[in-house]
Amino acid sequence: MPLWLDLLRTPMAAPETPALRRMRFIWQGLCVTCALVVGFFSPLRHAVGRPAPIGAAVLLLATAAYTCIYLIQKQRADRAFLNTMGELE
């Protein structure tokens, strides 16, 4: 069997648990919120005033931190799943 066909048949990630799904939705929401804050920063600054840059910085840092947490949890779940798959063979 060709390698590419063998790779297509091999599961590459763990099935998504409810906790990982919730984390993914939160992460996607943070990313979209960051994009909106950056895109509409000028009107946001006019509406909110001086706290706007601080809020944007906090949101960016929170998104970066949550990204790290999510990726660690996802890698852990994938590794455990693939180890289980390896034990079955």
C-alpha atoms as a PDB file:
ATOM      1  CA  MET A   1       0.000   0.000   0.000  1.00  0.00           C
ATOM      2  CA  PRO A   2       1.406   3.436  -0.849  1.00  0.00           C
ATOM      3  CA  LEU A   3       2.450   5.601   2.089  1.00  0.00           C
ATOM      4  CA  TRP A   4      -0.014   8.397   1.294  1.00  0.00           C
ATOM      5  CA  LEU A   5      -2.906   5.931   1.286  1.00  0.00           C
ATOM      6  CA  ASP A   6      -1.743   4.436   4.564  1.00  0.00           C
ATOM      7  CA  LEU A   7      -1.572   7.947   6.081  1.00  0.00           C
ATOM      8  CA  LEU A   8      -5.107   8.701   4.897  1.00  0.00           C
ATOM      9  CA  ARG A   9      -6.402   5.673   6.765  1.00  0.00           C
ATOM     10  CA  THR A  10      -4.539   6.558   9.976  1.00  0.00           C
ATOM     11  CA  PRO A  11      -6.446   8.773  12.420  1.00  0.00           C
ATOM     12  CA  MET A  12      -4.420  11.935  12.959  1.00  0.00           C
ATOM     13  CA  ALA A  13      -6.259  13.400  15.940  1.00  0.00           C
ATOM     14  CA  ALA A  14      -8.284  12.299  18.897  1.00  0.00           C
ATOM     15  CA  PRO A  15     -12.071  12.443  18.821  1.00  0.00           C
ATOM     16  CA  GLU A  16     -13.126  15.768  20.315  1.00  0.00           C
ATOM     17  CA  THR A  17     -14.347  15.528  23.902  1.00  0.00           C
ATOM     18  CA  PRO A  18     -16.992  17.958  25.198  1.00  0.00           C
ATOM     19  CA  ALA A  19     -14.306  19.761  27.228  1.00  0.00           C
ATOM     20  CA  LEU A  20     -12.049  20.191  24.188  1.00  0.00           C
ATOM     21  CA  ARG A  21     -15.000  21.320  22.103  1.00  0.00           C
ATOM     22  CA  ARG A  22     -15.873  23.974  24.702  1.00  0.00           C
ATOM     23  CA  MET A  23     -12.242  25.075  24.797  1.00  0.00           C
ATOM     24  CA  ARG A  24     -12.168  25.311  20.999  1.00  0.00           C
ATOM     25  CA  PHE A  25     -15.317  27.442  20.904  1.00  0.00           C
ATOM     26  CA  ILE A  26     -13.943  29.755  23.598  1.00  0.00           C
ATOM     27  CA  TRP A  27     -10.648  30.025  21.730  1.00  0.00           C
ATOM     28  CA  GLN A  28     -12.413  30.828  18.460  1.00  0.00           C
ATOM     29  CA  GLY A  29     -14.514  33.464  20.244  1.00  0.00           C
ATOM     30  CA  LEU A  30     -11.394  35.061  21.702  1.00  0.00           C
ATOM     31  CA  CYS A  31      -9.763  35.123  18.260  1.00  0.00           C
ATOM     32  CA  VAL A  32     -12.818  36.720  16.624  1.00  0.00           C
ATOM     33  CA  THR A  33     -13.064  39.251  19.458  1.00  0.00           C
ATOM     34  CA  CYS A  34      -9.397  40.146  19.011  1.00  0.00           C
ATOM     35  CA  ALA A  35      -9.959  40.673  15.294  1.00  0.00           C
ATOM     36  CA  LEU A  36     -12.959  42.909  15.983  1.00  0.00           C
ATOM     37  CA  VAL A  37     -11.096  44.940  18.615  1.00  0.00           C
ATOM     38  CA  VAL A  38      -8.148  45.464  16.285  1.00  0.00           C
ATOM     39  CA  GLY A  39     -10.397  46.269  13.325  1.00  0.00           C
ATOM     40  CA  PHE A  40     -12.591  48.710  15.222  1.00  0.00           C
ATOM     41  CA  PHE A  41      -9.990  50.086  17.603  1.00  0.00           C
ATOM     42  CA  SER A  42     -10.448  53.734  16.620  1.00  0.00           C
ATOM     43  CA  PRO A  43     -14.229  53.808  17.233  1.00  0.00           C
ATOM     44  CA  LEU A  44     -13.709  51.746  20.383  1.00  0.00           C
ATOM     45  CA  ARG A  45     -11.162  54.244  21.670  1.00  0.00           C
ATOM     46  CA  HIS A  46     -13.516  57.139  20.965  1.00  0.00           C
ATOM     47  CA  ALA A  47     -16.338  55.337  22.776  1.00  0.00           C
ATOM     48  CA  VAL A  48     -14.415  53.992  25.769  1.00  0.00           C
ATOM     49  CA  GLY A  49     -11.545  56.431  26.067  1.00  0.00           C
ATOM     50  CA  ARG A  50      -8.221  55.777  27.752  1.00  0.00           C
ATOM     51  CA  PRO A  51      -8.998  52.240  29.012  1.00  0.00           C
ATOM     52  CA  ALA A  52      -9.397  50.965  25.419  1.00  0.00           C
ATOM     53  CA  PRO A  53      -5.684  50.177  24.835  1.00  0.00           C
ATOM     54  CA  ILE A  54      -5.442  48.458  28.211  1.00  0.00           C
ATOM     55  CA  GLY A  55      -8.515  46.358  27.445  1.00  0.00           C
ATOM     56  CA  ALA A  56      -7.153  45.454  24.021  1.00  0.00           C
ATOM     57  CA  ALA A  57      -3.807  44.445  25.541  1.00  0.00           C
ATOM     58  CA  VAL A  58      -5.518  42.320  28.198  1.00  0.00           C
ATOM     59  CA  LEU A  59      -7.626  40.630  25.524  1.00  0.00           C
ATOM     60  CA  LEU A  60      -4.565  39.907  23.373  1.00  0.00           C
ATOM     61  CA  LEU A  61      -2.642  38.483  26.329  1.00  0.00           C
ATOM     62  CA  ALA A  62      -5.636  36.390  27.411  1.00  0.00           C
ATOM     63  CA  THR A  63      -5.970  35.029  23.876  1.00  0.00           C
ATOM     64  CA  ALA A  64      -2.274  34.155  23.735  1.00  0.00           C
ATOM     65  CA  ALA A  65      -2.403  32.429  27.130  1.00  0.00           C
ATOM     66  CA  TYR A  66      -5.582  30.514  26.281  1.00  0.00           C
ATOM     67  CA  THR A  67      -4.068  29.456  22.950  1.00  0.00           C
ATOM     68  CA  CYS A  68      -1.146  27.879  24.807  1.00  0.00           C
ATOM     69  CA  ILE A  69      -3.467  26.120  27.241  1.00  0.00           C
ATOM     70  CA  TYR A  70      -5.723  24.847  24.458  1.00  0.00           C
ATOM     71  CA  LEU A  71      -2.831  23.577  22.344  1.00  0.00           C
ATOM     72  CA  ILE A  72      -1.291  21.747  25.305  1.00  0.00           C
ATOM     73  CA  GLN A  73      -4.613  20.057  26.126  1.00  0.00           C
ATOM     74  CA  LYS A  74      -5.218  19.170  22.467  1.00  0.00           C
ATOM     75  CA  GLN A  75      -1.729  17.712  22.059  1.00  0.00           C
ATOM     76  CA  ARG A  76      -2.166  15.703  25.255  1.00  0.00           C
ATOM     77  CA  ALA A  77      -5.479  14.252  24.032  1.00  0.00           C
ATOM     78  CA  ASP A  78      -4.056  13.483  20.578  1.00  0.00           C
ATOM     79  CA  ARG A  79      -0.974  11.808  22.045  1.00  0.00           C
ATOM     80  CA  ALA A  80      -3.060   9.657  24.394  1.00  0.00           C
ATOM     81  CA  PHE A  81      -5.386   8.670  21.557  1.00  0.00           C
ATOM     82  CA  LEU A  82      -2.558   7.769  19.192  1.00  0.00           C
ATOM     83  CA  ASN A  83      -0.791   5.780  21.935  1.00  0.00           C
ATOM     84  CA  THR A  84      -4.002   3.842  22.478  1.00  0.00           C
ATOM     85  CA  MET A  85      -4.276   3.222  18.743  1.00  0.00           C
ATOM     86  CA  GLY A  86      -0.675   1.969  18.703  1.00  0.00           C
ATOM     87  CA  GLU A  87      -1.364  -0.475  21.521  1.00  0.00           C
ATOM     88  CA  LEU A  88      -4.280  -1.972  19.609  1.00  0.00           C
ATOM     89  CA  GLU A  89      -2.140  -2.891  16.608  1.00  0.00           C
END
